[in-house]
Every structure is written in structure tokens, then in C-alpha cells.
Amino acid sequence: MVGRLYAVVGPSGVGKDTLIEATMERRRDLVRAKRVITRPTEAGGEDFEGVSVEEFDRRLEAGDFALHWQAHGLKYGVPISIETALNEGHDVLFNGSRGILAEAYALYPNMGVLLITASPEVLAKRLAARGRESREEIEKRLARAGYDIAPGLPVRRVENDGSLEEAVVQFLAALQPERV
């Protein structure tokens, strides 16, 4: 049986990576796609592979990415190795961009989408706390927080305004197969 790909999306600072990590502690059968990003690894945040723009472009040309996109002046790639995990029957989570969902769904028609949300106040606090962006950059990210998802995609919402435990329970429930 082929596994299912899950795109975990939402605005910057909503806690996507924190939720993915906490969920994987409870569901060891899940696979997390380690993204390749044109950002120095020392920048912190999620566990990712930092590469130069030239290296990213070389890998893209070589077909090393199942999915790729640009956002916030950076390039992001999800390694093609996710297909091995999917074919072995593992469900795979990736921290994705809302802007790539329609393309990703066309490539992976059984893909699920988990939309992580939080109030603007919570987002602003979290973005400021991580210390990676200026006030102006934070305001730009907050302005994009309401970006719509392509219509027709199977989206499940997870509210991340309360405790991490509450959000993880919602996240785990969202990973359950749809009832027919």
C-alpha cells in the first residue's frame, strides 16, 4: 500500500515545525521530508539542509526534488526520496508553501493538506521571538497570513493558539483517514 503525502502549511510563525516534531514523537511510523533551502544552516529553525543558490539550481536540474518553490527570497525543495518512503507505505509530512499546493496535488492526488492557523497576535509574538526577521519583514509575513488555499483541495485545519498538547491532538486527528 502506498503511503500518503501530507503538506503542512500555514503562515510563518504558526508552529508548523514544532507540531510536526511533536506529532512524530507519538507517531514513529511517519516520515518527515527534510527540506533543502537556500539559507545558511546556522540560521536555525527546522532541521533542513542549507545550500547555495548554485547548488540548489544544480540539484533542481538533476531532478533531485519532488517539489520546489520560492518564497521570501529563498528557494525550497522537497527531496525526491519522499517517493521511496511513500512507495514503502509510509505517510510523509512536509512543511510546504500554500502557493505550491495545486501543483503538488496534481503530482500526488492522494495528498492531504493540514492548514495550521493562529491569531495575528500569536503569530506576531512568535515571529518576533525567533529573531530572524526585522519588524518590516514580520509585518510583510503577517500581511500574507490570510493567503487563500487553492479551492477544491482536501484541507483540514489545526488551530495552534492554545497549548502544544491541544494542537498535537488536533494534528493527530487530522492525519486519520477520511470516513466514507
Protein backbone atom coordinates (compact mmCIF):
# COMPACT_ATOMS: atom_id res chain seq x y z
CA MET A 1 0.00 0.00 0.00
CA VAL A 2 1.32 3.43 -0.95
CA GLY A 3 1.68 5.99 1.82
CA ARG A 4 0.04 9.39 1.81
CA LEU A 5 1.81 12.72 1.42
CA TYR A 6 0.73 15.49 3.80
CA ALA A 7 1.52 19.13 3.14
CA VAL A 8 1.70 21.04 6.41
CA VAL A 9 1.04 24.68 5.55
CA GLY A 10 0.25 27.96 7.23
CA PRO A 11 1.74 31.38 7.83
CA SER A 12 5.25 31.90 9.16
CA GLY A 13 5.41 31.57 12.93
CA VAL A 14 2.30 29.40 13.23
CA GLY A 15 4.30 26.46 14.62
CA LYS A 16 4.37 24.03 11.70
CA ASP A 17 7.76 22.56 12.56
CA THR A 18 7.00 22.36 16.28
CA LEU A 19 3.78 20.47 15.55
CA ILE A 20 5.47 18.14 13.08
CA GLU A 21 8.19 17.28 15.62
CA ALA A 22 5.73 16.75 18.48
CA THR A 23 3.48 14.61 16.29
CA MET A 24 6.37 12.46 15.11
CA GLU A 25 7.26 11.68 18.72
CA ARG A 26 3.86 9.99 19.01
CA ARG A 27 3.69 8.53 15.51
CA ARG A 28 7.10 6.99 14.84
CA ASP A 29 5.73 5.47 11.61
CA LEU A 30 5.62 8.91 9.95
CA VAL A 31 8.45 10.21 7.76
CA ARG A 32 9.40 13.87 7.71
CA ALA A 33 10.78 15.26 4.48
CA LYS A 34 13.92 17.26 5.27
CA ARG A 35 13.74 20.34 3.07
CA VAL A 36 16.63 21.79 1.11
CA ILE A 37 16.71 25.60 1.48
CA THR A 38 18.96 28.34 0.13
CA ARG A 39 19.54 29.59 3.67
CA PRO A 40 22.57 29.01 5.87
CA THR A 41 22.08 26.01 8.14
CA GLU A 42 23.21 28.16 11.06
CA ALA A 43 20.08 30.31 10.62
CA GLY A 44 18.29 27.83 12.87
CA GLY A 45 14.69 26.78 12.97
CA GLU A 46 13.67 23.45 11.48
CA ASP A 47 16.10 20.68 10.61
CA PHE A 48 16.92 21.50 6.97
CA GLU A 49 19.79 21.23 4.54
CA GLY A 50 21.19 24.65 3.74
CA VAL A 51 22.72 25.06 0.28
CA SER A 52 23.85 27.82 -2.04
CA VAL A 53 21.60 29.01 -4.86
CA GLU A 54 24.02 27.44 -7.33
CA GLU A 55 23.87 24.05 -5.57
CA PHE A 56 20.07 24.23 -5.38
CA ASP A 57 19.82 25.00 -9.09
CA ARG A 58 22.22 22.14 -9.92
CA ARG A 59 20.08 19.70 -7.91
CA LEU A 60 16.89 21.02 -9.48
CA GLU A 61 18.35 20.46 -12.95
CA ALA A 62 19.38 16.92 -11.92
CA GLY A 63 15.80 16.09 -10.86
CA ASP A 64 16.60 15.79 -7.15
CA PHE A 65 13.38 17.46 -5.98
CA ALA A 66 9.86 16.07 -5.93
CA LEU A 67 8.58 19.60 -5.28
CA HIS A 68 10.21 23.02 -5.25
CA TRP A 69 9.20 26.67 -4.86
CA GLN A 70 10.43 30.14 -4.00
CA ALA A 71 9.24 32.27 -1.09
CA HIS A 72 10.62 35.14 0.98
CA GLY A 73 13.69 35.41 -1.28
CA LEU A 74 14.66 31.76 -0.74
CA LYS A 75 14.37 28.55 -2.74
CA TYR A 76 12.87 25.44 -1.14
CA GLY A 77 12.98 21.83 -2.29
CA VAL A 78 11.45 18.57 -1.07
CA PRO A 79 13.80 15.70 -1.98
CA ILE A 80 12.64 13.10 -4.49
CA SER A 81 13.47 10.49 -1.82
CA ILE A 82 9.97 11.02 -0.42
CA GLU A 83 8.76 8.78 -3.24
CA THR A 84 10.73 5.85 -1.81
CA ALA A 85 9.13 6.37 1.59
CA LEU A 86 5.66 6.68 0.04
CA ASN A 87 6.16 3.54 -2.05
CA GLU A 88 7.23 1.67 1.11
CA GLY A 89 3.84 2.58 2.62
CA HIS A 90 4.97 5.41 4.91
CA ASP A 91 2.96 8.59 5.33
CA VAL A 92 5.23 11.58 4.68
CA LEU A 93 4.91 15.08 6.15
CA PHE A 94 6.49 18.14 4.60
CA ASN A 95 6.45 21.78 5.63
CA GLY A 96 5.16 23.34 2.45
CA SER A 97 4.05 26.55 0.82
CA ARG A 98 0.38 27.31 0.26
CA GLY A 99 1.35 28.58 -3.19
CA ILE A 100 2.52 25.17 -4.42
CA LEU A 101 -0.45 23.11 -3.26
CA ALA A 102 -2.28 22.89 -6.59
CA GLU A 103 0.88 21.68 -8.36
CA ALA A 104 1.69 19.24 -5.55
CA TYR A 105 -1.85 17.86 -5.59
CA ALA A 106 -1.61 17.31 -9.35
CA LEU A 107 1.55 15.22 -8.80
CA TYR A 108 0.29 13.46 -5.64
CA PRO A 109 -3.52 13.20 -5.98
CA ASN A 110 -3.94 11.45 -2.62
CA MET A 111 -2.12 14.29 -0.83
CA GLY A 112 -3.69 15.69 2.31
CA VAL A 113 -3.31 19.30 3.44
CA LEU A 114 -3.07 20.34 7.08
CA LEU A 115 -3.59 24.07 7.44
CA ILE A 116 -2.12 25.31 10.72
CA THR A 117 -3.61 28.59 11.94
CA ALA A 118 -3.16 31.01 14.84
CA SER A 119 -4.34 34.51 15.66
CA PRO A 120 -2.38 37.50 14.30
CA GLU A 121 -1.32 38.39 17.85
CA VAL A 122 0.16 34.94 18.46
CA LEU A 123 1.89 34.98 15.07
CA ALA A 124 3.46 38.38 15.73
CA LYS A 125 4.83 37.22 19.10
CA ARG A 126 6.28 34.03 17.66
CA LEU A 127 7.91 35.77 14.70
CA ALA A 128 9.49 38.38 16.97
CA ALA A 129 10.72 35.69 19.38
CA ARG A 130 12.59 33.75 16.72
CA GLY A 131 14.65 36.84 15.90
CA ARG A 132 15.25 36.10 12.21
CA GLU A 133 13.31 38.99 10.66
CA SER A 134 13.12 42.75 11.02
CA ARG A 135 9.90 44.45 12.11
CA GLU A 136 9.18 45.28 8.45
CA GLU A 137 9.71 41.65 7.38
CA ILE A 138 7.43 40.47 10.19
CA GLU A 139 4.71 42.87 9.04
CA LYS A 140 5.01 41.52 5.48
CA ARG A 141 4.70 37.95 6.76
CA LEU A 142 1.64 38.86 8.85
CA ALA A 143 0.04 40.51 5.81
CA ARG A 144 0.38 37.19 3.94
CA ALA A 145 -1.08 35.15 6.81
CA GLY A 146 -4.56 35.18 5.29
CA TYR A 147 -3.40 33.88 1.90
CA ASP A 148 -6.05 31.59 0.43
CA ILE A 149 -5.51 27.95 -0.46
CA ALA A 150 -6.43 26.70 -3.92
CA PRO A 151 -10.11 25.67 -3.88
CA GLY A 152 -11.05 22.01 -4.06
CA LEU A 153 -8.10 20.65 -2.11
CA PRO A 154 -8.73 18.35 0.89
CA VAL A 155 -7.83 20.74 3.71
CA ARG A 156 -8.03 20.04 7.43
CA ARG A 157 -7.49 22.88 9.90
CA VAL A 158 -5.43 22.72 13.07
CA GLU A 159 -5.73 25.68 15.46
CA ASN A 160 -2.44 26.44 17.22
CA ASP A 161 -3.39 29.30 19.55
CA GLY A 162 -3.54 27.25 22.76
CA SER A 163 -1.28 24.63 24.26
CA LEU A 164 1.00 22.47 22.18
CA GLU A 165 -0.82 19.40 23.52
CA GLU A 166 -4.18 20.67 22.21
CA ALA A 167 -2.70 21.35 18.78
CA VAL A 168 -0.97 17.94 18.62
CA VAL A 169 -4.28 16.19 19.40
CA GLN A 170 -5.90 18.10 16.51
CA PHE A 171 -2.93 17.33 14.23
CA LEU A 172 -3.12 13.60 15.00
CA ALA A 173 -6.86 13.61 14.34
CA ALA A 174 -6.29 15.37 11.01
CA LEU A 175 -3.97 12.54 9.94
CA GLN A 176 -6.73 9.96 10.31
CA PRO A 177 -8.24 8.61 7.08
CA GLU A 178 -11.44 10.22 5.88
CA ARG A 179 -14.63 8.39 6.74
CA VAL A 180 -16.66 7.42 3.69
